[in-house]
Full PDB file with SEQRES, HELIX, SHEET, SSBOND, CRYST1, ORIGX, SCALE, CONECT and MASTER records, all heavy atoms in Angstrom:
SEQRES   1 A   31  PRO GLY THR GLY LYS THR VAL VAL ALA LEU HIS ARG VAL          
SEQRES   2 A   31  LYS HIS LEU LEU SER ARG ALA PRO ASP THR ARG ILE LEU          
SEQRES   3 A   31  LEU THR THR TYR THR                                          
HELIX    1 AA1 LYS A    5  ARG A   19  1                                  15    
CRYST1    1.000    1.000    1.000  90.00  90.00  90.00 P 1           1          
ORIGX1      1.000000  0.000000  0.000000        0.00000                         
ORIGX2      0.000000  1.000000  0.000000        0.00000                         
ORIGX3      0.000000  0.000000  1.000000        0.00000                         
SCALE1      1.000000  0.000000  0.000000        0.00000                         
SCALE2      0.000000  1.000000  0.000000        0.00000                         
SCALE3      0.000000  0.000000  1.000000        0.00000                         
ATOM      1  N   PRO A   1      12.865   1.276 -28.839  1.00  0.00           N  
ATOM      2  CA  PRO A   1      13.792   0.895 -27.791  1.00  0.00           C  
ATOM      3  C   PRO A   1      14.639   2.063 -27.260  1.00  0.00           C  
ATOM      4  O   PRO A   1      15.051   2.906 -28.016  1.00  0.00           O  
ATOM      5  CB  PRO A   1      14.652  -0.149 -28.460  1.00  0.00           C  
ATOM      6  CG  PRO A   1      13.805  -0.630 -29.660  1.00  0.00           C  
ATOM      7  CD  PRO A   1      13.021   0.507 -30.054  1.00  0.00           C  
ATOM      8  N   GLY A   2      14.885   2.095 -25.980  1.00  0.00           N  
ATOM      9  CA  GLY A   2      15.784   3.061 -25.389  1.00  0.00           C  
ATOM     10  C   GLY A   2      15.293   4.493 -25.178  1.00  0.00           C  
ATOM     11  O   GLY A   2      15.996   5.393 -24.937  1.00  0.00           O  
ATOM     12  N   THR A   3      13.943   4.647 -25.455  1.00  0.00           N  
ATOM     13  CA  THR A   3      13.398   6.038 -25.277  1.00  0.00           C  
ATOM     14  C   THR A   3      12.965   6.349 -23.887  1.00  0.00           C  
ATOM     15  O   THR A   3      12.486   7.467 -23.623  1.00  0.00           O  
ATOM     16  CB  THR A   3      12.138   6.209 -26.298  1.00  0.00           C  
ATOM     17  OG1 THR A   3      11.245   5.086 -26.064  1.00  0.00           O  
ATOM     18  CG2 THR A   3      12.599   6.267 -27.740  1.00  0.00           C  
ATOM     19  N   GLY A   4      13.161   5.425 -22.967  1.00  0.00           N  
ATOM     20  CA  GLY A   4      12.895   5.769 -21.588  1.00  0.00           C  
ATOM     21  C   GLY A   4      11.448   5.472 -21.081  1.00  0.00           C  
ATOM     22  O   GLY A   4      11.063   6.064 -20.093  1.00  0.00           O  
ATOM     23  N   LYS A   5      10.715   4.603 -21.724  1.00  0.00           N  
ATOM     24  CA  LYS A   5       9.387   4.317 -21.358  1.00  0.00           C  
ATOM     25  C   LYS A   5       9.312   3.733 -19.924  1.00  0.00           C  
ATOM     26  O   LYS A   5       8.530   4.193 -19.139  1.00  0.00           O  
ATOM     27  CB  LYS A   5       8.752   3.249 -22.302  1.00  0.00           C  
ATOM     28  CG  LYS A   5       8.660   3.726 -23.758  1.00  0.00           C  
ATOM     29  CD  LYS A   5       8.095   2.634 -24.681  1.00  0.00           C  
ATOM     30  CE  LYS A   5       8.974   1.392 -24.840  1.00  0.00           C  
ATOM     31  NZ  LYS A   5      10.276   1.715 -25.381  1.00  0.00           N  
ATOM     32  N   THR A   6      10.242   2.815 -19.621  1.00  0.00           N  
ATOM     33  CA  THR A   6      10.281   2.258 -18.357  1.00  0.00           C  
ATOM     34  C   THR A   6      10.596   3.237 -17.239  1.00  0.00           C  
ATOM     35  O   THR A   6      10.038   3.246 -16.143  1.00  0.00           O  
ATOM     36  CB  THR A   6      11.198   0.999 -18.249  1.00  0.00           C  
ATOM     37  OG1 THR A   6      10.852   0.104 -19.302  1.00  0.00           O  
ATOM     38  CG2 THR A   6      11.209   0.333 -16.922  1.00  0.00           C  
ATOM     39  N   VAL A   7      11.571   4.121 -17.539  1.00  0.00           N  
ATOM     40  CA  VAL A   7      11.918   5.243 -16.611  1.00  0.00           C  
ATOM     41  C   VAL A   7      10.679   6.066 -16.318  1.00  0.00           C  
ATOM     42  O   VAL A   7      10.420   6.458 -15.170  1.00  0.00           O  
ATOM     43  CB  VAL A   7      13.097   6.010 -17.173  1.00  0.00           C  
ATOM     44  CG1 VAL A   7      13.382   7.207 -16.280  1.00  0.00           C  
ATOM     45  CG2 VAL A   7      14.358   5.138 -17.350  1.00  0.00           C  
ATOM     46  N   VAL A   8       9.962   6.417 -17.348  1.00  0.00           N  
ATOM     47  CA  VAL A   8       8.764   7.255 -17.172  1.00  0.00           C  
ATOM     48  C   VAL A   8       7.691   6.467 -16.317  1.00  0.00           C  
ATOM     49  O   VAL A   8       7.146   7.108 -15.421  1.00  0.00           O  
ATOM     50  CB  VAL A   8       8.124   7.600 -18.567  1.00  0.00           C  
ATOM     51  CG1 VAL A   8       6.784   8.223 -18.397  1.00  0.00           C  
ATOM     52  CG2 VAL A   8       9.024   8.595 -19.359  1.00  0.00           C  
ATOM     53  N   ALA A   9       7.606   5.146 -16.568  1.00  0.00           N  
ATOM     54  CA  ALA A   9       6.692   4.393 -15.750  1.00  0.00           C  
ATOM     55  C   ALA A   9       7.023   4.323 -14.260  1.00  0.00           C  
ATOM     56  O   ALA A   9       6.183   4.544 -13.409  1.00  0.00           O  
ATOM     57  CB  ALA A   9       6.584   2.913 -16.303  1.00  0.00           C  
ATOM     58  N   LEU A  10       8.341   4.234 -14.040  1.00  0.00           N  
ATOM     59  CA  LEU A  10       8.808   4.201 -12.591  1.00  0.00           C  
ATOM     60  C   LEU A  10       8.545   5.584 -11.957  1.00  0.00           C  
ATOM     61  O   LEU A  10       8.160   5.647 -10.740  1.00  0.00           O  
ATOM     62  CB  LEU A  10      10.265   3.800 -12.585  1.00  0.00           C  
ATOM     63  CG  LEU A  10      10.523   2.347 -12.878  1.00  0.00           C  
ATOM     64  CD1 LEU A  10      12.015   2.097 -13.094  1.00  0.00           C  
ATOM     65  CD2 LEU A  10      10.037   1.407 -11.811  1.00  0.00           C  
ATOM     66  N   HIS A  11       8.830   6.642 -12.646  1.00  0.00           N  
ATOM     67  CA  HIS A  11       8.627   7.999 -12.070  1.00  0.00           C  
ATOM     68  C   HIS A  11       7.102   8.239 -11.853  1.00  0.00           C  
ATOM     69  O   HIS A  11       6.750   8.917 -10.940  1.00  0.00           O  
ATOM     70  CB  HIS A  11       9.173   9.068 -13.016  1.00  0.00           C  
ATOM     71  CG  HIS A  11      10.689   9.251 -12.825  1.00  0.00           C  
ATOM     72  ND1 HIS A  11      11.223  10.166 -11.965  1.00  0.00           N  
ATOM     73  CD2 HIS A  11      11.729   8.663 -13.409  1.00  0.00           C  
ATOM     74  CE1 HIS A  11      12.560  10.148 -11.940  1.00  0.00           C  
ATOM     75  NE2 HIS A  11      12.853   9.235 -12.843  1.00  0.00           N  
ATOM     76  N   ARG A  12       6.221   7.589 -12.747  1.00  0.00           N  
ATOM     77  CA  ARG A  12       4.801   7.747 -12.496  1.00  0.00           C  
ATOM     78  C   ARG A  12       4.454   7.073 -11.210  1.00  0.00           C  
ATOM     79  O   ARG A  12       3.604   7.578 -10.509  1.00  0.00           O  
ATOM     80  CB  ARG A  12       4.041   7.119 -13.698  1.00  0.00           C  
ATOM     81  CG  ARG A  12       2.501   7.346 -13.586  1.00  0.00           C  
ATOM     82  CD  ARG A  12       2.199   8.812 -13.874  1.00  0.00           C  
ATOM     83  NE  ARG A  12       0.778   9.144 -13.538  1.00  0.00           N  
ATOM     84  CZ  ARG A  12       0.429  10.377 -13.393  1.00  0.00           C  
ATOM     85  NH1 ARG A  12       1.192  11.383 -13.423  1.00  0.00           N  
ATOM     86  NH2 ARG A  12      -0.895  10.661 -13.168  1.00  0.00           N  
ATOM     87  N   VAL A  13       5.071   5.925 -10.895  1.00  0.00           N  
ATOM     88  CA  VAL A  13       4.806   5.242  -9.601  1.00  0.00           C  
ATOM     89  C   VAL A  13       5.158   6.185  -8.481  1.00  0.00           C  
ATOM     90  O   VAL A  13       4.396   6.377  -7.496  1.00  0.00           O  
ATOM     91  CB  VAL A  13       5.673   3.963  -9.535  1.00  0.00           C  
ATOM     92  CG1 VAL A  13       5.527   3.366  -8.141  1.00  0.00           C  
ATOM     93  CG2 VAL A  13       5.150   2.953 -10.515  1.00  0.00           C  
ATOM     94  N   LYS A  14       6.310   6.833  -8.587  1.00  0.00           N  
ATOM     95  CA  LYS A  14       6.790   7.772  -7.591  1.00  0.00           C  
ATOM     96  C   LYS A  14       5.798   8.859  -7.341  1.00  0.00           C  
ATOM     97  O   LYS A  14       5.424   9.250  -6.179  1.00  0.00           O  
ATOM     98  CB  LYS A  14       8.214   8.273  -7.935  1.00  0.00           C  
ATOM     99  CG  LYS A  14       8.760   9.196  -6.832  1.00  0.00           C  
ATOM    100  CD  LYS A  14      10.171   9.692  -7.327  1.00  0.00           C  
ATOM    101  CE  LYS A  14      10.769  10.594  -6.236  1.00  0.00           C  
ATOM    102  NZ  LYS A  14      12.091  11.153  -6.666  1.00  0.00           N  
ATOM    103  N   HIS A  15       5.276   9.457  -8.437  1.00  0.00           N  
ATOM    104  CA  HIS A  15       4.328  10.535  -8.353  1.00  0.00           C  
ATOM    105  C   HIS A  15       3.018  10.122  -7.703  1.00  0.00           C  
ATOM    106  O   HIS A  15       2.496  10.797  -6.815  1.00  0.00           O  
ATOM    107  CB  HIS A  15       4.069  11.046  -9.748  1.00  0.00           C  
ATOM    108  CG  HIS A  15       2.890  12.034  -9.803  1.00  0.00           C  
ATOM    109  ND1 HIS A  15       2.968  13.293  -9.283  1.00  0.00           N  
ATOM    110  CD2 HIS A  15       1.671  11.849 -10.302  1.00  0.00           C  
ATOM    111  CE1 HIS A  15       1.758  13.905  -9.413  1.00  0.00           C  
ATOM    112  NE2 HIS A  15       0.955  13.076  -9.997  1.00  0.00           N  
ATOM    113  N   LEU A  16       2.494   8.943  -8.118  1.00  0.00           N  
ATOM    114  CA  LEU A  16       1.234   8.457  -7.565  1.00  0.00           C  
ATOM    115  C   LEU A  16       1.344   8.156  -6.082  1.00  0.00           C  
ATOM    116  O   LEU A  16       0.439   8.350  -5.287  1.00  0.00           O  
ATOM    117  CB  LEU A  16       0.772   7.204  -8.372  1.00  0.00           C  
ATOM    118  CG  LEU A  16       0.291   7.495  -9.776  1.00  0.00           C  
ATOM    119  CD1 LEU A  16       0.095   6.208 -10.553  1.00  0.00           C  
ATOM    120  CD2 LEU A  16      -0.979   8.395  -9.812  1.00  0.00           C  
ATOM    121  N   LEU A  17       2.531   7.656  -5.670  1.00  0.00           N  
ATOM    122  CA  LEU A  17       2.742   7.339  -4.232  1.00  0.00           C  
ATOM    123  C   LEU A  17       2.730   8.609  -3.361  1.00  0.00           C  
ATOM    124  O   LEU A  17       2.276   8.634  -2.220  1.00  0.00           O  
ATOM    125  CB  LEU A  17       4.113   6.576  -3.962  1.00  0.00           C  
ATOM    126  CG  LEU A  17       4.199   5.196  -4.398  1.00  0.00           C  
ATOM    127  CD1 LEU A  17       5.605   4.693  -4.339  1.00  0.00           C  
ATOM    128  CD2 LEU A  17       3.315   4.295  -3.543  1.00  0.00           C  
ATOM    129  N   SER A  18       3.159   9.699  -3.958  1.00  0.00           N  
ATOM    130  CA  SER A  18       3.268  11.037  -3.226  1.00  0.00           C  
ATOM    131  C   SER A  18       1.896  11.656  -3.091  1.00  0.00           C  
ATOM    132  O   SER A  18       1.747  12.545  -2.266  1.00  0.00           O  
ATOM    133  CB  SER A  18       4.159  11.949  -4.021  1.00  0.00           C  
ATOM    134  OG  SER A  18       3.496  12.482  -5.135  1.00  0.00           O  
ATOM    135  N   ARG A  19       0.861  11.172  -3.804  1.00  0.00           N  
ATOM    136  CA  ARG A  19      -0.399  11.882  -3.768  1.00  0.00           C  
ATOM    137  C   ARG A  19      -1.317  11.516  -2.628  1.00  0.00           C  
ATOM    138  O   ARG A  19      -2.128  12.257  -2.168  1.00  0.00           O  
ATOM    139  CB  ARG A  19      -1.165  11.673  -5.091  1.00  0.00           C  
ATOM    140  CG  ARG A  19      -0.596  12.453  -6.240  1.00  0.00           C  
ATOM    141  CD  ARG A  19      -1.317  12.237  -7.537  1.00  0.00           C  
ATOM    142  NE  ARG A  19      -2.739  11.955  -7.359  1.00  0.00           N  
ATOM    143  CZ  ARG A  19      -3.504  11.502  -8.302  1.00  0.00           C  
ATOM    144  NH1 ARG A  19      -2.968  11.197  -9.523  1.00  0.00           N  
ATOM    145  NH2 ARG A  19      -4.777  11.297  -8.152  1.00  0.00           N  
ATOM    146  N   ALA A  20      -1.161  10.264  -2.108  1.00  0.00           N  
ATOM    147  CA  ALA A  20      -1.938   9.911  -0.973  1.00  0.00           C  
ATOM    148  C   ALA A  20      -1.178   8.839  -0.152  1.00  0.00           C  
ATOM    149  O   ALA A  20      -0.458   8.008  -0.670  1.00  0.00           O  
ATOM    150  CB  ALA A  20      -3.257   9.269  -1.457  1.00  0.00           C  
ATOM    151  N   PRO A  21      -1.360   8.877   1.156  1.00  0.00           N  
ATOM    152  CA  PRO A  21      -0.497   8.039   2.073  1.00  0.00           C  
ATOM    153  C   PRO A  21      -0.853   6.533   2.021  1.00  0.00           C  
ATOM    154  O   PRO A  21      -0.123   5.705   2.440  1.00  0.00           O  
ATOM    155  CB  PRO A  21      -0.802   8.588   3.440  1.00  0.00           C  
ATOM    156  CG  PRO A  21      -2.097   9.311   3.381  1.00  0.00           C  
ATOM    157  CD  PRO A  21      -2.200   9.791   1.977  1.00  0.00           C  
ATOM    158  N   ASP A  22      -2.068   6.188   1.429  1.00  0.00           N  
ATOM    159  CA  ASP A  22      -2.419   4.780   1.493  1.00  0.00           C  
ATOM    160  C   ASP A  22      -2.632   4.212   0.114  1.00  0.00           C  
ATOM    161  O   ASP A  22      -3.228   3.151  -0.036  1.00  0.00           O  
ATOM    162  CB  ASP A  22      -3.701   4.597   2.369  1.00  0.00           C  
ATOM    163  CG  ASP A  22      -4.801   5.492   1.928  1.00  0.00           C  
ATOM    164  OD1 ASP A  22      -4.568   6.352   1.022  1.00  0.00           O  
ATOM    165  OD2 ASP A  22      -5.890   5.433   2.508  1.00  0.00           O  
ATOM    166  N   THR A  23      -2.167   4.915  -0.924  1.00  0.00           N  
ATOM    167  CA  THR A  23      -2.280   4.434  -2.299  1.00  0.00           C  
ATOM    168  C   THR A  23      -1.617   3.053  -2.453  1.00  0.00           C  
ATOM    169  O   THR A  23      -0.540   2.837  -2.035  1.00  0.00           O  
ATOM    170  CB  THR A  23      -1.602   5.420  -3.273  1.00  0.00           C  
ATOM    171  OG1 THR A  23      -2.124   6.685  -3.041  1.00  0.00           O  
ATOM    172  CG2 THR A  23      -1.734   4.996  -4.730  1.00  0.00           C  
ATOM    173  N   ARG A  24      -2.320   2.135  -3.183  1.00  0.00           N  
ATOM    174  CA  ARG A  24      -1.771   0.800  -3.491  1.00  0.00           C  
ATOM    175  C   ARG A  24      -1.601   0.729  -4.976  1.00  0.00           C  
ATOM    176  O   ARG A  24      -2.571   1.002  -5.762  1.00  0.00           O  
ATOM    177  CB  ARG A  24      -2.799  -0.296  -2.966  1.00  0.00           C  
ATOM    178  CG  ARG A  24      -2.962  -0.368  -1.522  1.00  0.00           C  
ATOM    179  CD  ARG A  24      -1.980  -1.200  -0.697  1.00  0.00           C  
ATOM    180  NE  ARG A  24      -1.944  -2.569  -1.212  1.00  0.00           N  
ATOM    181  CZ  ARG A  24      -0.879  -3.268  -1.322  1.00  0.00           C  
ATOM    182  NH1 ARG A  24       0.303  -2.756  -1.056  1.00  0.00           N  
ATOM    183  NH2 ARG A  24      -0.846  -4.502  -1.803  1.00  0.00           N  
ATOM    184  N   ILE A  25      -0.402   0.322  -5.463  1.00  0.00           N  
ATOM    185  CA  ILE A  25      -0.170   0.335  -6.848  1.00  0.00           C  
ATOM    186  C   ILE A  25       0.320  -1.114  -7.271  1.00  0.00           C  
ATOM    187  O   ILE A  25       1.084  -1.681  -6.639  1.00  0.00           O  
ATOM    188  CB  ILE A  25       1.016   1.338  -7.176  1.00  0.00           C  
ATOM    189  CG1 ILE A  25       0.489   2.783  -6.878  1.00  0.00           C  
ATOM    190  CG2 ILE A  25       1.380   1.250  -8.667  1.00  0.00           C  
ATOM    191  CD1 ILE A  25       1.526   3.813  -6.968  1.00  0.00           C  
ATOM    192  N   LEU A  26      -0.172  -1.520  -8.410  1.00  0.00           N  
ATOM    193  CA  LEU A  26       0.322  -2.779  -9.086  1.00  0.00           C  
ATOM    194  C   LEU A  26       1.195  -2.352 -10.245  1.00  0.00           C  
ATOM    195  O   LEU A  26       0.693  -1.651 -11.160  1.00  0.00           O  
ATOM    196  CB  LEU A  26      -0.926  -3.585  -9.485  1.00  0.00           C  
ATOM    197  CG  LEU A  26      -0.599  -4.886 -10.206  1.00  0.00           C  
ATOM    198  CD1 LEU A  26       0.182  -5.845  -9.301  1.00  0.00           C  
ATOM    199  CD2 LEU A  26      -1.857  -5.563 -10.739  1.00  0.00           C  
ATOM    200  N   LEU A  27       2.393  -2.776 -10.262  1.00  0.00           N  
ATOM    201  CA  LEU A  27       3.325  -2.508 -11.428  1.00  0.00           C  
ATOM    202  C   LEU A  27       3.658  -3.833 -12.040  1.00  0.00           C  
ATOM    203  O   LEU A  27       4.195  -4.728 -11.441  1.00  0.00           O  
ATOM    204  CB  LEU A  27       4.610  -1.859 -10.848  1.00  0.00           C  
ATOM    205  CG  LEU A  27       5.793  -1.684 -11.801  1.00  0.00           C  
ATOM    206  CD1 LEU A  27       5.452  -0.846 -13.024  1.00  0.00           C  
ATOM    207  CD2 LEU A  27       6.917  -0.993 -11.034  1.00  0.00           C  
ATOM    208  N   THR A  28       3.264  -4.057 -13.350  1.00  0.00           N  
ATOM    209  CA  THR A  28       3.466  -5.369 -13.990  1.00  0.00           C  
ATOM    210  C   THR A  28       4.332  -5.246 -15.172  1.00  0.00           C  
ATOM    211  O   THR A  28       4.362  -4.181 -15.818  1.00  0.00           O  
ATOM    212  CB  THR A  28       2.111  -5.968 -14.452  1.00  0.00           C  
ATOM    213  OG1 THR A  28       1.589  -5.259 -15.562  1.00  0.00           O  
ATOM    214  CG2 THR A  28       1.096  -6.068 -13.306  1.00  0.00           C  
ATOM    215  N   THR A  29       5.000  -6.378 -15.517  1.00  0.00           N  
ATOM    216  CA  THR A  29       5.783  -6.460 -16.679  1.00  0.00           C  
ATOM    217  C   THR A  29       5.633  -7.880 -17.239  1.00  0.00           C  
ATOM    218  O   THR A  29       4.830  -8.673 -16.662  1.00  0.00           O  
ATOM    219  CB  THR A  29       7.227  -6.097 -16.461  1.00  0.00           C  
ATOM    220  OG1 THR A  29       7.918  -5.990 -17.751  1.00  0.00           O  
ATOM    221  CG2 THR A  29       7.969  -7.062 -15.496  1.00  0.00           C  
ATOM    222  N   TYR A  30       6.393  -8.270 -18.235  1.00  0.00           N  
ATOM    223  CA  TYR A  30       6.143  -9.510 -18.969  1.00  0.00           C  
ATOM    224  C   TYR A  30       6.845 -10.737 -18.406  1.00  0.00           C  
ATOM    225  O   TYR A  30       6.325 -11.806 -18.280  1.00  0.00           O  
ATOM    226  CB  TYR A  30       6.459  -9.386 -20.432  1.00  0.00           C  
ATOM    227  CG  TYR A  30       5.666 -10.399 -21.248  1.00  0.00           C  
ATOM    228  CD1 TYR A  30       4.374 -10.221 -21.565  1.00  0.00           C  
ATOM    229  CD2 TYR A  30       6.275 -11.557 -21.633  1.00  0.00           C  
ATOM    230  CE1 TYR A  30       3.661 -11.174 -22.274  1.00  0.00           C  
ATOM    231  CE2 TYR A  30       5.578 -12.529 -22.335  1.00  0.00           C  
ATOM    232  CZ  TYR A  30       4.200 -12.315 -22.653  1.00  0.00           C  
ATOM    233  OH  TYR A  30       3.559 -13.311 -23.273  1.00  0.00           O  
ATOM    234  N   THR A  31       8.082 -10.522 -17.944  1.00  0.00           N  
ATOM    235  CA  THR A  31       8.898 -11.730 -17.456  1.00  0.00           C  
ATOM    236  C   THR A  31       9.374 -11.492 -16.050  1.00  0.00           C  
ATOM    237  O   THR A  31       9.463 -10.333 -15.568  1.00  0.00           O  
ATOM    238  CB  THR A  31      10.180 -11.908 -18.365  1.00  0.00           C  
ATOM    239  OG1 THR A  31      11.036 -10.825 -18.174  1.00  0.00           O  
ATOM    240  CG2 THR A  31       9.763 -12.070 -19.786  1.00  0.00           C  
TER     241      THR A  31                                                      
MASTER        0    0    0    1    0    0    0    6  240    1    0    3          
END                                                                             
């Protein structure tokens, strides 16, 4: 807990969006 896994996941979304103008991403969680 608290090691920043979610922060890393969100930054990964940001990186993938920057790679191509039409990239579609699904970001899922539990609740």
